[in-house]
Amino acid sequence: MALSDSEQRECTRTPFNTTVLLCTDSRDVEIEASLQNISISGMYVEMGQALPLGTNCSIKILIKGQ
C-alpha cells in the first residue's frame, strides 16, 4: 500500500470498537472513551474532553464476552 503525502502511517490500523478507560499517570483524571481502531504502534480513541498534548496516561481496554 502506497502512502499519500498526507498519510504517514506505516502500520495497518484495524477497526476495533469498544470502551476504554484512560487514566492520567497522576491519577487525577479518569475518562471513559470509545476506541475506534488500533495498530501495533497506536490507537484512535474518541473522547468528550481533550488532555494536554504530551500527558502521560494508561489505557484499559474493556472487552465484553458474549
C-alpha atoms as a PDB file:
ATOM      1  CA  MET A   1       0.000   0.000   0.000  1.00  0.00           C
ATOM      2  CA  ALA A   2       1.472   3.343  -1.033  1.00  0.00           C
ATOM      3  CA  LEU A   3       1.254   6.227   1.416  1.00  0.00           C
ATOM      4  CA  SER A   4      -0.064   9.565   0.202  1.00  0.00           C
ATOM      5  CA  ASP A   5       1.795  12.788   1.002  1.00  0.00           C
ATOM      6  CA  SER A   6      -0.604  13.446   3.913  1.00  0.00           C
ATOM      7  CA  GLU A   7      -0.642   9.826   5.155  1.00  0.00           C
ATOM      8  CA  GLN A   8       2.432   8.999   7.244  1.00  0.00           C
ATOM      9  CA  ARG A   9       1.281   5.805   8.987  1.00  0.00           C
ATOM     10  CA  GLU A  10       3.448   2.769   8.442  1.00  0.00           C
ATOM     11  CA  CYS A  11       1.307   0.310  10.436  1.00  0.00           C
ATOM     12  CA  THR A  12      -2.095  -1.017   9.399  1.00  0.00           C
ATOM     13  CA  ARG A  13      -4.998   0.143  11.545  1.00  0.00           C
ATOM     14  CA  THR A  14      -7.652  -2.420  12.450  1.00  0.00           C
ATOM     15  CA  PRO A  15     -11.207  -1.334  13.339  1.00  0.00           C
ATOM     16  CA  PHE A  16     -11.837  -2.245  16.979  1.00  0.00           C
ATOM     17  CA  ASN A  17     -14.848  -0.635  18.633  1.00  0.00           C
ATOM     18  CA  THR A  18     -15.023  -0.947  22.408  1.00  0.00           C
ATOM     19  CA  THR A  19     -14.951   1.145  25.570  1.00  0.00           C
ATOM     20  CA  VAL A  20     -11.653   2.171  27.147  1.00  0.00           C
ATOM     21  CA  LEU A  21     -10.747   3.840  30.437  1.00  0.00           C
ATOM     22  CA  LEU A  22      -7.996   6.415  30.130  1.00  0.00           C
ATOM     23  CA  CYS A  23      -6.243   7.387  33.368  1.00  0.00           C
ATOM     24  CA  THR A  24      -3.537  10.027  33.696  1.00  0.00           C
ATOM     25  CA  ASP A  25      -0.347   8.906  35.433  1.00  0.00           C
ATOM     26  CA  SER A  26      -1.069  11.337  38.262  1.00  0.00           C
ATOM     27  CA  ARG A  27      -4.438   9.561  38.758  1.00  0.00           C
ATOM     28  CA  ASP A  28      -6.294  12.889  38.915  1.00  0.00           C
ATOM     29  CA  VAL A  29      -8.259  12.258  35.700  1.00  0.00           C
ATOM     30  CA  GLU A  30     -10.097   9.134  34.538  1.00  0.00           C
ATOM     31  CA  ILE A  31     -12.032   9.309  31.276  1.00  0.00           C
ATOM     32  CA  GLU A  32     -14.319   6.733  29.675  1.00  0.00           C
ATOM     33  CA  ALA A  33     -13.820   6.874  25.917  1.00  0.00           C
ATOM     34  CA  SER A  34     -14.520   4.968  22.710  1.00  0.00           C
ATOM     35  CA  LEU A  35     -11.736   3.037  20.986  1.00  0.00           C
ATOM     36  CA  GLN A  36     -12.234   3.202  17.203  1.00  0.00           C
ATOM     37  CA  ASN A  37      -9.171   1.444  15.787  1.00  0.00           C
ATOM     38  CA  ILE A  38      -5.856   0.021  16.884  1.00  0.00           C
ATOM     39  CA  SER A  39      -2.460  -0.769  15.334  1.00  0.00           C
ATOM     40  CA  ILE A  40       0.884  -2.103  16.502  1.00  0.00           C
ATOM     41  CA  SER A  41       2.058   1.473  17.112  1.00  0.00           C
ATOM     42  CA  GLY A  42      -1.028   3.229  18.496  1.00  0.00           C
ATOM     43  CA  MET A  43      -4.786   3.629  18.649  1.00  0.00           C
ATOM     44  CA  TYR A  44      -7.503   6.133  17.803  1.00  0.00           C
ATOM     45  CA  VAL A  45      -9.767   6.985  20.735  1.00  0.00           C
ATOM     46  CA  GLU A  46     -12.738   9.376  20.681  1.00  0.00           C
ATOM     47  CA  MET A  47     -13.393  11.150  23.980  1.00  0.00           C
ATOM     48  CA  GLY A  48     -15.550  14.007  25.212  1.00  0.00           C
ATOM     49  CA  GLN A  49     -12.702  16.064  26.615  1.00  0.00           C
ATOM     50  CA  ALA A  50      -9.151  16.713  25.492  1.00  0.00           C
ATOM     51  CA  LEU A  51      -5.993  16.255  27.515  1.00  0.00           C
ATOM     52  CA  PRO A  52      -2.956  18.488  27.047  1.00  0.00           C
ATOM     53  CA  LEU A  53      -0.543  17.211  24.398  1.00  0.00           C
ATOM     54  CA  GLY A  54       2.140  15.044  25.995  1.00  0.00           C
ATOM     55  CA  THR A  55       0.030  13.969  29.005  1.00  0.00           C
ATOM     56  CA  ASN A  56       1.218  10.548  30.197  1.00  0.00           C
ATOM     57  CA  CYS A  57      -1.613   8.090  30.681  1.00  0.00           C
ATOM     58  CA  SER A  58      -2.558   4.442  30.741  1.00  0.00           C
ATOM     59  CA  ILE A  59      -5.473   2.874  28.903  1.00  0.00           C
ATOM     60  CA  LYS A  60      -7.565  -0.101  29.979  1.00  0.00           C
ATOM     61  CA  ILE A  61      -9.339  -1.782  27.068  1.00  0.00           C
ATOM     62  CA  LEU A  62     -12.663  -3.255  28.199  1.00  0.00           C
ATOM     63  CA  ILE A  63     -13.607  -6.396  26.293  1.00  0.00           C
ATOM     64  CA  LYS A  64     -17.057  -7.816  26.958  1.00  0.00           C
ATOM     65  CA  GLY A  65     -17.810 -11.508  26.461  1.00  0.00           C
ATOM     66  CA  GLN A  66     -20.987 -12.743  24.831  1.00  0.00           C
END
